[in-house]
C-alpha atoms as a PDB file:
ATOM      1  CA  UNK A   1      87.891 -16.972 123.146  1.00  0.00           C
ATOM      2  CA  UNK A   2      87.359 -15.625 119.703  1.00  0.00           C
ATOM      3  CA  UNK A   3      84.704 -13.701 117.818  1.00  0.00           C
ATOM      4  CA  UNK A   4      84.035 -16.572 115.435  1.00  0.00           C
ATOM      5  CA  UNK A   5      83.892 -20.133 116.687  1.00  0.00           C
ATOM      6  CA  UNK A   6      82.440 -23.439 115.629  1.00  0.00           C
ATOM      7  CA  UNK A   7      79.212 -24.774 117.169  1.00  0.00           C
ATOM      8  CA  UNK A   8      80.775 -28.123 118.033  1.00  0.00           C
ATOM      9  CA  UNK A   9      84.019 -26.628 119.373  1.00  0.00           C
ATOM     10  CA  UNK A  10      83.116 -23.330 121.061  1.00  0.00           C
ATOM     11  CA  UNK A  11      86.458 -23.117 122.892  1.00  0.00           C
ATOM     12  CA  UNK A  12      88.511 -23.028 119.693  1.00  0.00           C
ATOM     13  CA  UNK A  13      89.055 -20.514 116.930  1.00  0.00           C
ATOM     14  CA  UNK A  14      87.598 -21.355 113.540  1.00  0.00           C
ATOM     15  CA  UNK A  15      90.927 -22.434 112.002  1.00  0.00           C
ATOM     16  CA  UNK A  16      91.735 -24.624 115.021  1.00  0.00           C
ATOM     17  CA  UNK A  17      88.344 -26.325 114.828  1.00  0.00           C
ATOM     18  CA  UNK A  18      88.893 -26.991 111.115  1.00  0.00           C
ATOM     19  CA  UNK A  19      92.358 -28.466 111.771  1.00  0.00           C
ATOM     20  CA  UNK A  20      90.893 -30.639 114.519  1.00  0.00           C
ATOM     21  CA  UNK A  21      88.163 -31.886 112.176  1.00  0.00           C
ATOM     22  CA  UNK A  22      90.782 -32.812 109.559  1.00  0.00           C
ATOM     23  CA  UNK A  23      93.143 -34.448 112.064  1.00  0.00           C
ATOM     24  CA  UNK A  24      93.624 -38.180 112.401  1.00  0.00           C
ATOM     25  CA  UNK A  25      92.789 -38.202 116.126  1.00  0.00           C
ATOM     26  CA  UNK A  26      90.530 -41.033 117.236  1.00  0.00           C
ATOM     27  CA  UNK A  27      86.882 -40.122 117.564  1.00  0.00           C
ATOM     28  CA  UNK A  28      85.771 -42.952 119.825  1.00  0.00           C
ATOM     29  CA  UNK A  29      85.485 -40.558 122.786  1.00  0.00           C
ATOM     30  CA  UNK A  30      84.443 -36.898 122.987  1.00  0.00           C
ATOM     31  CA  UNK A  31      87.145 -34.268 122.516  1.00  0.00           C
ATOM     32  CA  UNK A  32      85.534 -32.027 125.164  1.00  0.00           C
ATOM     33  CA  UNK A  33      83.335 -32.655 128.203  1.00  0.00           C
ATOM     34  CA  UNK A  34      81.258 -29.592 129.028  1.00  0.00           C
ATOM     35  CA  UNK A  35      79.864 -28.392 132.371  1.00  0.00           C
ATOM     36  CA  UNK A  36      80.984 -31.279 134.531  1.00  0.00           C
ATOM     37  CA  UNK A  37      80.325 -29.493 137.831  1.00  0.00           C
ATOM     38  CA  UNK A  38      77.029 -31.308 138.422  1.00  0.00           C
ATOM     39  CA  UNK A  39      77.908 -34.901 137.603  1.00  0.00           C
ATOM     40  CA  UNK A  40      80.319 -37.685 138.553  1.00  0.00           C
ATOM     41  CA  UNK A  41      83.203 -36.001 136.735  1.00  0.00           C
ATOM     42  CA  UNK A  42      83.071 -32.980 139.068  1.00  0.00           C
ATOM     43  CA  UNK A  43      85.942 -34.537 141.037  1.00  0.00           C
ATOM     44  CA  UNK A  44      88.122 -33.682 138.023  1.00  0.00           C
ATOM     45  CA  UNK A  45      87.682 -29.986 138.840  1.00  0.00           C
ATOM     46  CA  UNK A  46      89.289 -30.587 142.224  1.00  0.00           C
ATOM     47  CA  UNK A  47      92.155 -32.749 140.943  1.00  0.00           C
ATOM     48  CA  UNK A  48      92.746 -30.920 137.664  1.00  0.00           C
ATOM     49  CA  UNK A  49      91.760 -33.827 135.462  1.00  0.00           C
ATOM     50  CA  UNK A  50      90.408 -37.347 135.274  1.00  0.00           C
ATOM     51  CA  UNK A  51      90.299 -40.452 133.153  1.00  0.00           C
ATOM     52  CA  UNK A  52      87.110 -41.277 131.251  1.00  0.00           C
ATOM     53  CA  UNK A  53      86.227 -43.253 128.117  1.00  0.00           C
ATOM     54  CA  UNK A  54      89.775 -44.649 128.130  1.00  0.00           C
ATOM     55  CA  UNK A  55      91.399 -41.193 127.768  1.00  0.00           C
ATOM     56  CA  UNK A  56      92.829 -38.621 130.132  1.00  0.00           C
ATOM     57  CA  UNK A  57      90.996 -35.302 130.362  1.00  0.00           C
ATOM     58  CA  UNK A  58      92.354 -32.027 131.727  1.00  0.00           C
ATOM     59  CA  UNK A  59      90.481 -29.031 133.161  1.00  0.00           C
ATOM     60  CA  UNK A  60      90.521 -25.997 130.872  1.00  0.00           C
ATOM     61  CA  UNK A  61      91.507 -22.714 132.580  1.00  0.00           C
ATOM     62  CA  UNK A  62      89.267 -22.477 135.630  1.00  0.00           C
ATOM     63  CA  UNK A  63      86.160 -23.514 133.734  1.00  0.00           C
ATOM     64  CA  UNK A  64      83.871 -26.463 134.168  1.00  0.00           C
ATOM     65  CA  UNK A  65      85.001 -27.949 130.856  1.00  0.00           C
ATOM     66  CA  UNK A  66      87.464 -30.781 130.228  1.00  0.00           C
ATOM     67  CA  UNK A  67      89.576 -31.435 127.146  1.00  0.00           C
ATOM     68  CA  UNK A  68      91.200 -34.693 126.099  1.00  0.00           C
ATOM     69  CA  UNK A  69      94.973 -34.534 126.601  1.00  0.00           C
ATOM     70  CA  UNK A  70      95.802 -35.705 123.067  1.00  0.00           C
ATOM     71  CA  UNK A  71      93.510 -32.991 121.663  1.00  0.00           C
ATOM     72  CA  UNK A  72      95.163 -30.398 123.890  1.00  0.00           C
ATOM     73  CA  UNK A  73      98.585 -31.511 122.664  1.00  0.00           C
ATOM     74  CA  UNK A  74      97.382 -31.313 119.041  1.00  0.00           C
ATOM     75  CA  UNK A  75      95.999 -27.773 119.539  1.00  0.00           C
ATOM     76  CA  UNK A  76      99.209 -26.581 121.230  1.00  0.00           C
ATOM     77  CA  UNK A  77     101.343 -27.935 118.369  1.00  0.00           C
ATOM     78  CA  UNK A  78      98.982 -26.362 115.844  1.00  0.00           C
ATOM     79  CA  UNK A  79      99.251 -22.957 117.541  1.00  0.00           C
ATOM     80  CA  UNK A  80     103.067 -23.125 117.605  1.00  0.00           C
ATOM     81  CA  UNK A  81     103.092 -24.058 113.910  1.00  0.00           C
ATOM     82  CA  UNK A  82     100.746 -21.172 113.032  1.00  0.00           C
ATOM     83  CA  UNK A  83     102.861 -18.729 115.039  1.00  0.00           C
ATOM     84  CA  UNK A  84     105.998 -19.820 113.166  1.00  0.00           C
ATOM     85  CA  UNK A  85     104.195 -19.487 109.830  1.00  0.00           C
ATOM     86  CA  UNK A  86     103.056 -15.977 110.728  1.00  0.00           C
ATOM     87  CA  UNK A  87     106.572 -14.987 111.806  1.00  0.00           C
ATOM     88  CA  UNK A  88     108.021 -16.338 108.560  1.00  0.00           C
ATOM     89  CA  UNK A  89     105.382 -14.518 106.525  1.00  0.00           C
ATOM     90  CA  UNK A  90     106.087 -11.277 108.393  1.00  0.00           C
ATOM     91  CA  UNK A  91     109.822 -11.635 107.736  1.00  0.00           C
ATOM     92  CA  UNK A  92     109.230 -12.198 104.039  1.00  0.00           C
ATOM     93  CA  UNK A  93     106.852  -9.264 103.872  1.00  0.00           C
ATOM     94  CA  UNK A  94     109.269  -7.007 105.716  1.00  0.00           C
ATOM     95  CA  UNK A  95     112.140  -7.892 103.432  1.00  0.00           C
ATOM     96  CA  UNK A  96     115.643  -6.657 103.977  1.00  0.00           C
ATOM     97  CA  UNK A  97     115.892  -3.376 105.847  1.00  0.00           C
ATOM     98  CA  UNK A  98     119.587  -2.760 105.350  1.00  0.00           C
END
């Protein structure tokens, strides 16, 4: 996805991985399940997700990886927040044109 990524979270950008590390999400189950095509969780690829370890997991964009739904929600909110911050910074930098 990005040129620089974290070893533990290869599907995220560096800043997203850092925000995820600092979040208060529960760590009693893995955030990601990788390469599930050859095990019992392969059925999740057909149905688009599954429930494991007491959490719901969702398939990530036509890959064989699953992400916990609460982590996905956290990442989406983080991206929206970053986009708003960048837009605000661009407006301030641009200043008044007229």
